Amino acid sequence: MFEWKEFVVKIPDSNDLLFQREVRAIEKAPFATEFGFVSASVVNVSPELRRSIPRKLRATTTAILMPRLSGCTAIDADLTQINPDIIISTLIDSHSKLLARGWCNTDCKLDNIQLLSSGIKLLDWGSLCPINATDPTFTFYVHEYESSPLVCMSINLIVTILELCSVVPPKNTRVSVDTYKRLRQHALECVNEPFKTRLDNLLMKGIK
């Protein structure tokens, strides 16, 4: 990933499968920009752009262009100076609307949240997949549920909300069902109404 003119450019590298996942999400779920995702487009690499690509990667013919954004990611921000309710409400809204369209954001995390003066933008198109997919991307996952987009969505949203509320995340990215249930309850206790009820309805229940 590198900057070019007013854009951030992504091109395939050693993890070409992740790049292709992002391309598919941009092409099949363009509505995600209405739900907080940064605008993105898949383009053919022009001669002008090719000259800016690192030499060893210039064989690529496709690139993803996204606008350069001001501000910083939530991982780099002083979260003690930010009202977490503003971010949490936006995340709940975005996840709910994606689900209504049959898609999941399975890898929500502070690194993927850009804080702007006007709100937030979600950055990682590779974290989007249909709810019936069997290969979601994730950082945290529930043991024996790593192929479930809905469970991956839930645990990563839970951990993100807890971090926004200054709760230290689990050391192990693989969590048990019992740990998931405990973290879920803790996240709900950190969130105020009316968002608490919406979050409760959003997060997966009843996993065994």
N, C-alpha and C. Protein backbone atom coordinates (compact mmCIF):
# COMPACT_ATOMS: atom_id res chain seq x y z
N MET A 1 0.85 -1.18 0.00
CA MET A 1 0.00 0.00 0.00
C MET A 1 0.89 1.24 0.00
N PHE A 2 0.54 2.24 -0.82
CA PHE A 2 1.34 3.45 -0.89
C PHE A 2 0.46 4.61 -1.33
N GLU A 3 0.97 5.82 -1.16
CA GLU A 3 0.21 7.01 -1.53
C GLU A 3 0.59 7.45 -2.93
N TRP A 4 -0.40 7.91 -3.67
CA TRP A 4 -0.20 8.40 -5.03
C TRP A 4 -1.23 9.49 -5.29
N LYS A 5 -0.75 10.69 -5.56
CA LYS A 5 -1.63 11.84 -5.72
C LYS A 5 -2.51 11.96 -4.48
N GLU A 6 -3.84 12.01 -4.67
CA GLU A 6 -4.73 12.15 -3.52
C GLU A 6 -5.28 10.81 -3.04
N PHE A 7 -4.63 9.71 -3.48
CA PHE A 7 -5.14 8.38 -3.19
C PHE A 7 -4.17 7.57 -2.32
N VAL A 8 -4.76 6.57 -1.67
CA VAL A 8 -4.00 5.45 -1.13
C VAL A 8 -4.23 4.29 -2.09
N VAL A 9 -3.15 3.64 -2.50
CA VAL A 9 -3.22 2.59 -3.52
C VAL A 9 -2.87 1.24 -2.90
N LYS A 10 -3.71 0.26 -3.18
CA LYS A 10 -3.41 -1.11 -2.78
C LYS A 10 -3.21 -1.94 -4.05
N ILE A 11 -2.17 -2.76 -4.03
CA ILE A 11 -1.91 -3.67 -5.14
C ILE A 11 -1.59 -5.04 -4.54
N PRO A 12 -1.77 -6.11 -5.32
CA PRO A 12 -1.51 -7.44 -4.77
C PRO A 12 -0.04 -7.64 -4.46
N ASP A 13 0.21 -8.34 -3.34
CA ASP A 13 1.59 -8.69 -3.01
C ASP A 13 1.63 -10.19 -2.76
N SER A 14 2.33 -10.62 -1.74
CA SER A 14 2.43 -12.05 -1.49
C SER A 14 1.09 -12.66 -1.10
N ASN A 15 0.19 -11.82 -0.52
CA ASN A 15 -1.12 -12.32 -0.12
C ASN A 15 -2.16 -11.92 -1.16
N ASP A 16 -2.05 -12.48 -2.34
CA ASP A 16 -2.94 -12.13 -3.44
C ASP A 16 -4.38 -12.50 -3.14
N LEU A 17 -4.61 -13.55 -2.34
CA LEU A 17 -5.98 -13.96 -2.03
C LEU A 17 -6.71 -12.87 -1.25
N LEU A 18 -6.01 -12.20 -0.34
CA LEU A 18 -6.64 -11.12 0.42
C LEU A 18 -6.99 -9.95 -0.50
N PHE A 19 -6.10 -9.65 -1.44
CA PHE A 19 -6.38 -8.58 -2.41
C PHE A 19 -7.62 -8.92 -3.23
N GLN A 20 -7.71 -10.15 -3.69
CA GLN A 20 -8.88 -10.57 -4.48
C GLN A 20 -10.16 -10.52 -3.65
N ARG A 21 -10.04 -10.81 -2.36
CA ARG A 21 -11.20 -10.71 -1.47
C ARG A 21 -11.69 -9.27 -1.41
N GLU A 22 -10.74 -8.32 -1.29
CA GLU A 22 -11.11 -6.91 -1.26
C GLU A 22 -11.75 -6.48 -2.57
N VAL A 23 -11.20 -6.92 -3.67
CA VAL A 23 -11.77 -6.58 -4.98
C VAL A 23 -13.21 -7.07 -5.06
N ARG A 24 -13.45 -8.31 -4.66
CA ARG A 24 -14.80 -8.86 -4.72
C ARG A 24 -15.77 -8.06 -3.85
N ALA A 25 -15.32 -7.69 -2.65
CA ALA A 25 -16.20 -6.93 -1.76
C ALA A 25 -16.54 -5.56 -2.35
N ILE A 26 -15.55 -4.90 -2.92
CA ILE A 26 -15.78 -3.57 -3.52
C ILE A 26 -16.77 -3.68 -4.68
N GLU A 27 -16.63 -4.74 -5.47
CA GLU A 27 -17.50 -4.90 -6.63
C GLU A 27 -18.90 -5.41 -6.28
N LYS A 28 -19.00 -6.27 -5.25
CA LYS A 28 -20.29 -6.89 -4.94
C LYS A 28 -21.05 -6.18 -3.82
N ALA A 29 -20.35 -5.38 -3.01
CA ALA A 29 -21.01 -4.71 -1.89
C ALA A 29 -20.70 -3.22 -1.88
N PRO A 30 -20.92 -2.52 -2.99
CA PRO A 30 -20.61 -1.09 -3.03
C PRO A 30 -21.43 -0.27 -2.04
N PHE A 31 -22.57 -0.84 -1.61
CA PHE A 31 -23.43 -0.16 -0.64
C PHE A 31 -22.75 0.03 0.72
N ALA A 32 -21.63 -0.67 0.95
CA ALA A 32 -20.94 -0.54 2.24
C ALA A 32 -20.45 0.89 2.49
N THR A 33 -20.24 1.64 1.41
CA THR A 33 -19.84 3.04 1.60
C THR A 33 -20.94 3.85 2.28
N GLU A 34 -22.18 3.41 2.11
CA GLU A 34 -23.30 4.09 2.78
C GLU A 34 -23.34 3.76 4.27
N PHE A 35 -22.60 2.73 4.66
CA PHE A 35 -22.63 2.25 6.05
C PHE A 35 -21.29 2.48 6.74
N GLY A 36 -20.53 3.46 6.26
CA GLY A 36 -19.32 3.86 6.96
C GLY A 36 -18.01 3.45 6.35
N PHE A 37 -18.02 2.58 5.33
CA PHE A 37 -16.75 2.17 4.73
C PHE A 37 -16.21 3.27 3.82
N VAL A 38 -14.89 3.40 3.80
CA VAL A 38 -14.25 4.37 2.94
C VAL A 38 -14.55 4.03 1.48
N SER A 39 -14.74 5.04 0.65
CA SER A 39 -14.98 4.78 -0.77
C SER A 39 -13.75 4.11 -1.38
N ALA A 40 -14.00 3.21 -2.31
CA ALA A 40 -12.90 2.47 -2.95
C ALA A 40 -13.32 2.10 -4.36
N SER A 41 -12.35 2.03 -5.25
CA SER A 41 -12.63 1.63 -6.63
C SER A 41 -11.52 0.72 -7.13
N VAL A 42 -11.90 -0.21 -7.96
CA VAL A 42 -10.95 -1.13 -8.60
C VAL A 42 -10.65 -0.59 -9.99
N VAL A 43 -9.38 -0.39 -10.30
CA VAL A 43 -9.01 0.25 -11.57
C VAL A 43 -7.92 -0.56 -12.27
N ASN A 44 -7.86 -0.38 -13.57
CA ASN A 44 -6.73 -0.88 -14.33
C ASN A 44 -5.55 0.05 -14.12
N VAL A 45 -4.38 -0.51 -13.96
CA VAL A 45 -3.19 0.29 -13.68
C VAL A 45 -2.78 1.05 -14.93
N SER A 46 -2.78 2.37 -14.83
CA SER A 46 -2.36 3.21 -15.96
C SER A 46 -0.84 3.29 -16.01
N PRO A 47 -0.27 3.70 -17.16
CA PRO A 47 1.19 3.88 -17.22
C PRO A 47 1.70 4.85 -16.16
N GLU A 48 0.94 5.91 -15.91
CA GLU A 48 1.37 6.89 -14.90
C GLU A 48 1.42 6.27 -13.51
N LEU A 49 0.39 5.51 -13.17
CA LEU A 49 0.38 4.85 -11.86
C LEU A 49 1.46 3.79 -11.78
N ARG A 50 1.67 3.04 -12.86
CA ARG A 50 2.67 1.97 -12.85
C ARG A 50 4.06 2.50 -12.49
N ARG A 51 4.37 3.70 -12.92
CA ARG A 51 5.69 4.26 -12.63
C ARG A 51 5.88 4.53 -11.14
N SER A 52 4.80 4.61 -10.39
CA SER A 52 4.90 4.87 -8.95
C SER A 52 4.89 3.59 -8.12
N ILE A 53 4.62 2.46 -8.77
CA ILE A 53 4.55 1.18 -8.05
C ILE A 53 5.97 0.67 -7.83
N PRO A 54 6.24 0.13 -6.64
CA PRO A 54 7.56 -0.49 -6.41
C PRO A 54 7.89 -1.46 -7.53
N ARG A 55 9.13 -1.42 -7.98
CA ARG A 55 9.53 -2.13 -9.19
C ARG A 55 9.16 -3.61 -9.18
N LYS A 56 9.34 -4.28 -8.04
CA LYS A 56 9.10 -5.73 -8.02
C LYS A 56 7.60 -6.07 -8.14
N LEU A 57 6.72 -5.08 -8.00
CA LEU A 57 5.29 -5.33 -8.08
C LEU A 57 4.64 -4.76 -9.33
N ARG A 58 5.43 -4.25 -10.26
CA ARG A 58 4.87 -3.55 -11.40
C ARG A 58 4.16 -4.43 -12.41
N ALA A 59 4.23 -5.75 -12.24
CA ALA A 59 3.57 -6.64 -13.19
C ALA A 59 2.05 -6.63 -13.01
N THR A 60 1.58 -6.10 -11.88
CA THR A 60 0.14 -6.10 -11.64
C THR A 60 -0.60 -5.22 -12.64
N THR A 61 -1.82 -5.62 -12.96
CA THR A 61 -2.65 -4.84 -13.89
C THR A 61 -3.84 -4.20 -13.18
N THR A 62 -4.05 -4.55 -11.91
CA THR A 62 -5.22 -4.08 -11.16
C THR A 62 -4.77 -3.44 -9.86
N ALA A 63 -5.47 -2.37 -9.48
CA ALA A 63 -5.18 -1.69 -8.22
C ALA A 63 -6.49 -1.25 -7.58
N ILE A 64 -6.43 -1.04 -6.27
CA ILE A 64 -7.55 -0.47 -5.53
C ILE A 64 -7.16 0.94 -5.11
N LEU A 65 -8.02 1.90 -5.43
CA LEU A 65 -7.79 3.29 -5.06
C LEU A 65 -8.77 3.72 -3.98
N MET A 66 -8.24 4.35 -2.95
CA MET A 66 -9.06 4.92 -1.89
C MET A 66 -8.57 6.33 -1.60
N PRO A 67 -9.43 7.23 -1.19
CA PRO A 67 -8.97 8.59 -0.91
C PRO A 67 -8.09 8.63 0.34
N ARG A 68 -7.10 9.50 0.32
CA ARG A 68 -6.32 9.74 1.54
C ARG A 68 -7.20 10.45 2.55
N LEU A 69 -7.18 9.99 3.77
CA LEU A 69 -8.04 10.55 4.81
C LEU A 69 -7.21 11.30 5.84
N SER A 70 -7.81 12.32 6.42
CA SER A 70 -7.17 13.03 7.52
C SER A 70 -7.38 12.23 8.81
N GLY A 71 -6.87 12.75 9.91
CA GLY A 71 -7.07 12.11 11.20
C GLY A 71 -6.13 10.93 11.41
N CYS A 72 -6.53 10.02 12.26
CA CYS A 72 -5.69 8.86 12.59
C CYS A 72 -6.60 7.67 12.89
N THR A 73 -6.01 6.49 12.93
CA THR A 73 -6.79 5.32 13.29
C THR A 73 -7.01 5.30 14.80
N ALA A 74 -8.02 4.56 15.22
CA ALA A 74 -8.34 4.50 16.64
C ALA A 74 -7.21 3.87 17.45
N ILE A 75 -6.41 3.01 16.82
CA ILE A 75 -5.29 2.37 17.54
C ILE A 75 -4.23 3.40 17.91
N ASP A 76 -4.16 4.50 17.14
CA ASP A 76 -3.14 5.53 17.38
C ASP A 76 -3.68 6.72 18.17
N ALA A 77 -4.97 6.69 18.50
CA ALA A 77 -5.59 7.83 19.18
C ALA A 77 -5.52 7.67 20.70
N ASP A 78 -5.63 8.79 21.38
CA ASP A 78 -5.76 8.77 22.84
C ASP A 78 -7.24 8.58 23.15
N LEU A 79 -7.63 7.34 23.38
CA LEU A 79 -9.05 7.03 23.53
C LEU A 79 -9.64 7.59 24.82
N THR A 80 -8.78 7.99 25.74
CA THR A 80 -9.30 8.59 26.97
C THR A 80 -9.88 9.97 26.71
N GLN A 81 -9.53 10.55 25.55
CA GLN A 81 -10.02 11.88 25.20
C GLN A 81 -11.21 11.83 24.24
N ILE A 82 -11.72 10.63 24.00
CA ILE A 82 -12.79 10.45 23.01
C ILE A 82 -13.99 9.81 23.69
N ASN A 83 -15.19 10.30 23.36
CA ASN A 83 -16.41 9.69 23.86
C ASN A 83 -16.66 8.39 23.09
N PRO A 84 -16.50 7.23 23.73
CA PRO A 84 -16.64 5.97 22.99
C PRO A 84 -18.03 5.76 22.42
N ASP A 85 -19.06 6.39 23.02
CA ASP A 85 -20.43 6.19 22.54
C ASP A 85 -20.59 6.59 21.09
N ILE A 86 -19.84 7.62 20.68
CA ILE A 86 -19.96 8.10 19.29
C ILE A 86 -19.49 7.03 18.32
N ILE A 87 -18.35 6.41 18.63
CA ILE A 87 -17.80 5.37 17.76
C ILE A 87 -18.64 4.10 17.84
N ILE A 88 -19.00 3.72 19.05
CA ILE A 88 -19.76 2.48 19.25
C ILE A 88 -21.10 2.54 18.54
N SER A 89 -21.79 3.67 18.63
CA SER A 89 -23.09 3.79 17.96
C SER A 89 -22.94 3.66 16.45
N THR A 90 -21.85 4.23 15.90
CA THR A 90 -21.62 4.13 14.46
C THR A 90 -21.31 2.69 14.05
N LEU A 91 -20.52 1.99 14.87
CA LEU A 91 -20.20 0.59 14.57
C LEU A 91 -21.44 -0.29 14.61
N ILE A 92 -22.28 -0.09 15.62
CA ILE A 92 -23.51 -0.88 15.71
C ILE A 92 -24.40 -0.61 14.50
N ASP A 93 -24.51 0.64 14.13
CA ASP A 93 -25.33 1.02 12.98
C ASP A 93 -24.80 0.39 11.70
N SER A 94 -23.48 0.48 11.50
CA SER A 94 -22.86 -0.08 10.29
C SER A 94 -23.04 -1.59 10.22
N HIS A 95 -22.76 -2.28 11.31
CA HIS A 95 -22.89 -3.74 11.32
C HIS A 95 -24.34 -4.17 11.08
N SER A 96 -25.28 -3.47 11.69
CA SER A 96 -26.69 -3.83 11.53
C SER A 96 -27.14 -3.66 10.09
N LYS A 97 -26.74 -2.57 9.45
CA LYS A 97 -27.16 -2.31 8.07
C LYS A 97 -26.50 -3.28 7.10
N LEU A 98 -25.24 -3.65 7.37
CA LEU A 98 -24.59 -4.66 6.53
C LEU A 98 -25.33 -5.99 6.62
N LEU A 99 -25.69 -6.38 7.85
CA LEU A 99 -26.40 -7.65 8.02
C LEU A 99 -27.72 -7.64 7.26
N ALA A 100 -28.38 -6.51 7.28
CA ALA A 100 -29.66 -6.40 6.57
C ALA A 100 -29.49 -6.60 5.06
N ARG A 101 -28.28 -6.37 4.57
CA ARG A 101 -27.99 -6.58 3.14
C ARG A 101 -27.33 -7.93 2.90
N GLY A 102 -27.21 -8.76 3.96
CA GLY A 102 -26.65 -10.10 3.79
C GLY A 102 -25.14 -10.17 3.86
N TRP A 103 -24.50 -9.14 4.46
CA TRP A 103 -23.05 -9.10 4.55
C TRP A 103 -22.61 -8.90 5.99
N CYS A 104 -21.35 -9.28 6.28
CA CYS A 104 -20.76 -9.14 7.61
C CYS A 104 -19.43 -8.41 7.53
N ASN A 105 -19.14 -7.63 8.56
CA ASN A 105 -17.80 -7.12 8.79
C ASN A 105 -17.20 -8.00 9.88
N THR A 106 -16.35 -8.94 9.49
CA THR A 106 -15.90 -9.98 10.41
C THR A 106 -14.59 -9.65 11.12
N ASP A 107 -13.99 -8.52 10.82
CA ASP A 107 -12.70 -8.21 11.44
C ASP A 107 -12.63 -6.76 11.88
N CYS A 108 -13.66 -6.31 12.56
CA CYS A 108 -13.65 -4.96 13.12
C CYS A 108 -12.55 -4.86 14.17
N LYS A 109 -11.75 -3.82 14.09
CA LYS A 109 -10.70 -3.59 15.10
C LYS A 109 -10.25 -2.15 15.02
N LEU A 110 -9.55 -1.70 16.06
CA LEU A 110 -9.15 -0.30 16.15
C LEU A 110 -8.31 0.13 14.96
N ASP A 111 -7.48 -0.78 14.44
CA ASP A 111 -6.63 -0.44 13.29
C ASP A 111 -7.44 -0.07 12.06
N ASN A 112 -8.67 -0.58 11.98
CA ASN A 112 -9.49 -0.39 10.79
C ASN A 112 -10.51 0.73 10.93
N ILE A 113 -10.38 1.53 12.00
CA ILE A 113 -11.31 2.63 12.24
C ILE A 113 -10.55 3.95 12.13
N GLN A 114 -10.86 4.75 11.13
CA GLN A 114 -10.23 6.05 10.94
C GLN A 114 -11.08 7.11 11.61
N LEU A 115 -10.46 7.86 12.53
CA LEU A 115 -11.17 8.92 13.25
C LEU A 115 -11.01 10.23 12.49
N LEU A 116 -12.12 10.80 12.08
CA LEU A 116 -12.14 12.06 11.35
C LEU A 116 -12.84 13.12 12.19
N SER A 117 -12.67 14.36 11.82
CA SER A 117 -13.38 15.43 12.53
C SER A 117 -14.88 15.31 12.33
N SER A 118 -15.29 14.66 11.23
CA SER A 118 -16.71 14.54 10.90
C SER A 118 -17.30 13.19 11.32
N GLY A 119 -16.51 12.32 11.94
CA GLY A 119 -17.01 11.01 12.31
C GLY A 119 -15.94 9.95 12.14
N ILE A 120 -16.33 8.76 11.68
CA ILE A 120 -15.36 7.70 11.45
C ILE A 120 -15.57 7.08 10.07
N LYS A 121 -14.51 6.43 9.58
CA LYS A 121 -14.59 5.62 8.37
C LYS A 121 -13.98 4.26 8.68
N LEU A 122 -14.56 3.22 8.11
CA LEU A 122 -14.04 1.87 8.24
C LEU A 122 -13.18 1.57 7.02
N LEU A 123 -12.02 0.95 7.24
CA LEU A 123 -10.99 0.94 6.21
C LEU A 123 -10.82 -0.38 5.46
N ASP A 124 -11.10 -1.50 6.08
CA ASP A 124 -10.66 -2.78 5.52
C ASP A 124 -11.78 -3.49 4.77
N TRP A 125 -11.79 -3.34 3.44
CA TRP A 125 -12.79 -4.03 2.62
C TRP A 125 -12.60 -5.54 2.66
N GLY A 126 -11.40 -5.98 2.96
CA GLY A 126 -11.15 -7.42 3.04
C GLY A 126 -11.85 -8.09 4.21
N SER A 127 -12.38 -7.30 5.14
CA SER A 127 -13.10 -7.86 6.28
C SER A 127 -14.58 -8.12 5.97
N LEU A 128 -15.01 -7.75 4.76
CA LEU A 128 -16.40 -7.93 4.37
C LEU A 128 -16.60 -9.27 3.65
N CYS A 129 -17.66 -9.95 4.01
CA CYS A 129 -18.01 -11.18 3.29
C CYS A 129 -19.50 -11.44 3.45
N PRO A 130 -20.09 -12.22 2.55
CA PRO A 130 -21.50 -12.59 2.71
C PRO A 130 -21.71 -13.41 3.98
N ILE A 131 -22.91 -13.34 4.55
CA ILE A 131 -23.16 -14.04 5.80
C ILE A 131 -23.11 -15.56 5.63
N ASN A 132 -23.23 -16.05 4.40
CA ASN A 132 -23.17 -17.49 4.17
C ASN A 132 -21.79 -17.95 3.72
N ALA A 133 -20.79 -17.08 3.80
CA ALA A 133 -19.42 -17.47 3.44
C ALA A 133 -18.88 -18.46 4.48
N THR A 134 -17.83 -19.16 4.11
CA THR A 134 -17.23 -20.14 5.05
C THR A 134 -15.77 -19.83 5.33
N ASP A 135 -15.28 -18.68 4.83
CA ASP A 135 -13.86 -18.36 5.01
C ASP A 135 -13.67 -16.91 5.43
N PRO A 136 -14.32 -16.48 6.51
CA PRO A 136 -14.18 -15.08 6.93
C PRO A 136 -12.77 -14.77 7.41
N THR A 137 -12.37 -13.51 7.27
CA THR A 137 -11.13 -13.07 7.89
C THR A 137 -11.45 -12.62 9.32
N PHE A 138 -10.47 -12.69 10.19
CA PHE A 138 -10.71 -12.32 11.58
C PHE A 138 -9.38 -12.13 12.30
N THR A 139 -9.45 -11.43 13.42
CA THR A 139 -8.33 -11.36 14.36
C THR A 139 -8.62 -12.28 15.53
N PHE A 140 -9.75 -12.05 16.19
CA PHE A 140 -10.21 -12.95 17.25
C PHE A 140 -11.23 -13.92 16.67
N TYR A 141 -11.27 -15.11 17.24
CA TYR A 141 -12.26 -16.08 16.80
C TYR A 141 -12.64 -17.00 17.94
N VAL A 142 -13.81 -17.58 17.84
CA VAL A 142 -14.31 -18.52 18.84
C VAL A 142 -13.98 -19.93 18.37
N HIS A 143 -13.36 -20.70 19.25
CA HIS A 143 -12.94 -22.06 18.92
C HIS A 143 -14.11 -22.86 18.35
N GLU A 144 -13.86 -23.48 17.19
CA GLU A 144 -14.81 -24.31 16.45
C GLU A 144 -15.87 -23.48 15.70
N TYR A 145 -15.72 -22.15 15.73
CA TYR A 145 -16.64 -21.29 14.98
C TYR A 145 -15.89 -20.36 14.02
N GLU A 146 -14.65 -20.71 13.70
CA GLU A 146 -13.85 -19.81 12.86
C GLU A 146 -14.36 -19.73 11.42
N SER A 147 -15.24 -20.63 11.02
CA SER A 147 -15.80 -20.56 9.67
C SER A 147 -17.15 -19.84 9.65
N SER A 148 -17.59 -19.32 10.78
CA SER A 148 -18.89 -18.64 10.86
C SER A 148 -18.72 -17.13 10.80
N PRO A 149 -19.13 -16.48 9.72
CA PRO A 149 -19.02 -15.02 9.64
C PRO A 149 -19.74 -14.31 10.79
N LEU A 150 -20.92 -14.81 11.17
CA LEU A 150 -21.69 -14.13 12.21
C LEU A 150 -20.99 -14.19 13.56
N VAL A 151 -20.38 -15.31 13.88
CA VAL A 151 -19.66 -15.42 15.15
C VAL A 151 -18.37 -14.60 15.10
N CYS A 152 -17.67 -14.64 13.97
CA CYS A 152 -16.45 -13.82 13.83
C CYS A 152 -16.78 -12.34 13.92
N MET A 153 -17.87 -11.94 13.29
CA MET A 153 -18.31 -10.55 13.40
C MET A 153 -18.54 -10.18 14.86
N SER A 154 -19.23 -11.05 15.57
CA SER A 154 -19.62 -10.76 16.95
C SER A 154 -18.41 -10.64 17.87
N ILE A 155 -17.50 -11.59 17.83
CA ILE A 155 -16.38 -11.56 18.77
C ILE A 155 -15.46 -10.38 18.48
N ASN A 156 -15.24 -10.04 17.22
CA ASN A 156 -14.35 -8.92 16.92
C ASN A 156 -14.99 -7.58 17.24
N LEU A 157 -16.31 -7.46 17.06
CA LEU A 157 -17.00 -6.25 17.47
C LEU A 157 -16.99 -6.12 18.99
N ILE A 158 -17.18 -7.22 19.69
CA ILE A 158 -17.12 -7.21 21.16
C ILE A 158 -15.78 -6.71 21.65
N VAL A 159 -14.70 -7.28 21.12
CA VAL A 159 -13.36 -6.89 21.58
C VAL A 159 -13.10 -5.42 21.27
N THR A 160 -13.53 -4.95 20.10
CA THR A 160 -13.34 -3.55 19.74
C THR A 160 -14.07 -2.63 20.70
N ILE A 161 -15.31 -2.97 21.02
CA ILE A 161 -16.09 -2.15 21.96
C ILE A 161 -15.42 -2.13 23.33
N LEU A 162 -14.94 -3.27 23.79
CA LEU A 162 -14.26 -3.32 25.08
C LEU A 162 -13.01 -2.45 25.08
N GLU A 163 -12.25 -2.50 23.99
CA GLU A 163 -11.04 -1.65 23.89
C GLU A 163 -11.41 -0.18 23.90
N LEU A 164 -12.48 0.18 23.22
CA LEU A 164 -12.93 1.57 23.21
C LEU A 164 -13.33 2.02 24.61
N CYS A 165 -13.73 1.06 25.44
CA CYS A 165 -14.10 1.36 26.83
C CYS A 165 -12.95 1.10 27.79
N SER A 166 -11.73 1.04 27.23
CA SER A 166 -10.49 0.90 28.02
C SER A 166 -10.37 -0.42 28.74
N VAL A 167 -10.98 -1.48 28.19
CA VAL A 167 -10.83 -2.83 28.73
C VAL A 167 -9.75 -3.54 27.93
N VAL A 168 -8.81 -4.15 28.61
CA VAL A 168 -7.70 -4.85 27.94
C VAL A 168 -8.25 -6.08 27.22
N PRO A 169 -7.93 -6.27 25.94
CA PRO A 169 -8.46 -7.42 25.20
C PRO A 169 -7.81 -8.72 25.64
N PRO A 170 -8.41 -9.85 25.32
CA PRO A 170 -7.80 -11.14 25.66
C PRO A 170 -6.42 -11.28 25.03
N LYS A 171 -5.52 -11.96 25.74
CA LYS A 171 -4.18 -12.18 25.19
C LYS A 171 -4.21 -13.19 24.05
N ASN A 172 -5.09 -14.16 24.16
CA ASN A 172 -5.19 -15.21 23.15
C ASN A 172 -6.28 -14.83 22.15
N THR A 173 -5.97 -14.86 20.86
CA THR A 173 -6.97 -14.50 19.86
C THR A 173 -8.01 -15.60 19.65
N ARG A 174 -7.71 -16.80 20.11
CA ARG A 174 -8.71 -17.88 20.08
C ARG A 174 -9.38 -17.93 21.45
N VAL A 175 -10.69 -17.77 21.48
CA VAL A 175 -11.40 -17.80 22.74
C VAL A 175 -12.40 -18.95 22.77
N SER A 176 -12.69 -19.42 23.95
CA SER A 176 -13.67 -20.49 24.12
C SER A 176 -15.08 -19.91 24.05
N VAL A 177 -16.06 -20.79 23.94
CA VAL A 177 -17.45 -20.34 23.95
C VAL A 177 -17.78 -19.66 25.27
N ASP A 178 -17.28 -20.20 26.38
CA ASP A 178 -17.55 -19.59 27.68
C ASP A 178 -16.93 -18.20 27.77
N THR A 179 -15.72 -18.04 27.24
CA THR A 179 -15.08 -16.72 27.23
C THR A 179 -15.86 -15.76 26.35
N TYR A 180 -16.32 -16.25 25.20
CA TYR A 180 -17.14 -15.41 24.33
C TYR A 180 -18.36 -14.89 25.07
N LYS A 181 -19.05 -15.76 25.77
CA LYS A 181 -20.26 -15.36 26.48
C LYS A 181 -19.94 -14.32 27.57
N ARG A 182 -18.81 -14.52 28.25
CA ARG A 182 -18.41 -13.57 29.29
C ARG A 182 -18.07 -12.22 28.69
N LEU A 183 -17.32 -12.21 27.58
CA LEU A 183 -16.95 -10.96 26.92
C LEU A 183 -18.19 -10.26 26.36
N ARG A 184 -19.11 -11.05 25.84
CA ARG A 184 -20.35 -10.48 25.30
C ARG A 184 -21.10 -9.72 26.39
N GLN A 185 -21.22 -10.34 27.56
CA GLN A 185 -21.93 -9.69 28.65
C GLN A 185 -21.19 -8.44 29.12
N HIS A 186 -19.87 -8.53 29.16
CA HIS A 186 -19.07 -7.36 29.58
C HIS A 186 -19.26 -6.20 28.61
N ALA A 187 -19.28 -6.49 27.31
CA ALA A 187 -19.48 -5.44 26.31
C ALA A 187 -20.85 -4.79 26.48
N LEU A 188 -21.87 -5.59 26.72
CA LEU A 188 -23.21 -5.04 26.91
C LEU A 188 -23.26 -4.13 28.14
N GLU A 189 -22.51 -4.49 29.18
CA GLU A 189 -22.48 -3.67 30.39
C GLU A 189 -21.77 -2.34 30.16
N CYS A 190 -20.93 -2.27 29.14
CA CYS A 190 -20.17 -1.05 28.85
C CYS A 190 -20.96 -0.06 27.98
N VAL A 191 -22.06 -0.53 27.41
CA VAL A 191 -22.78 0.28 26.42
C VAL A 191 -24.08 0.79 27.03
N ASN A 192 -24.38 2.05 26.76
CA ASN A 192 -25.59 2.67 27.27
C ASN A 192 -26.76 2.47 26.30
N GLU A 193 -27.96 2.58 26.83
CA GLU A 193 -29.14 2.58 25.97
C GLU A 193 -29.19 3.89 25.18
N PRO A 194 -29.73 3.88 23.96
CA PRO A 194 -30.47 2.78 23.32
C PRO A 194 -29.58 1.79 22.58
N PHE A 195 -28.27 2.00 22.65
CA PHE A 195 -27.35 1.15 21.87
C PHE A 195 -27.23 -0.24 22.47
N LYS A 196 -27.44 -0.36 23.79
CA LYS A 196 -27.29 -1.66 24.43
C LYS A 196 -28.25 -2.69 23.86
N THR A 197 -29.51 -2.32 23.69
CA THR A 197 -30.49 -3.25 23.14
C THR A 197 -30.16 -3.60 21.70
N ARG A 198 -29.74 -2.62 20.92
CA ARG A 198 -29.37 -2.89 19.53
C ARG A 198 -28.16 -3.82 19.44
N LEU A 199 -27.19 -3.62 20.34
CA LEU A 199 -26.01 -4.48 20.35
C LEU A 199 -26.39 -5.90 20.76
N ASP A 200 -27.25 -6.02 21.75
CA ASP A 200 -27.69 -7.33 22.20
C ASP A 200 -28.36 -8.11 21.06
N ASN A 201 -29.15 -7.41 20.26
CA ASN A 201 -29.82 -8.04 19.11
C ASN A 201 -28.85 -8.38 17.99
N LEU A 202 -27.74 -7.64 17.94
CA LEU A 202 -26.78 -7.81 16.85
C LEU A 202 -25.84 -9.00 17.09
N LEU A 203 -25.38 -9.14 18.31
CA LEU A 203 -24.36 -10.14 18.63
C LEU A 203 -24.97 -11.55 18.69
N MET A 204 -24.21 -12.51 18.20
CA MET A 204 -24.67 -13.90 18.17
C MET A 204 -24.94 -14.41 19.58
N LYS A 205 -26.08 -15.08 19.73
CA LYS A 205 -26.44 -15.73 20.99
C LYS A 205 -26.51 -17.24 20.76
N GLY A 206 -26.56 -17.96 21.83
CA GLY A 206 -26.90 -19.39 21.75
C GLY A 206 -25.86 -20.29 21.14
N ILE A 207 -24.59 -19.84 21.03
CA ILE A 207 -23.58 -20.77 20.52
C ILE A 207 -23.17 -21.70 21.65
N LYS A 208 -22.86 -22.95 21.32
CA LYS A 208 -22.62 -23.97 22.35
C LYS A 208 -21.23 -24.56 22.21
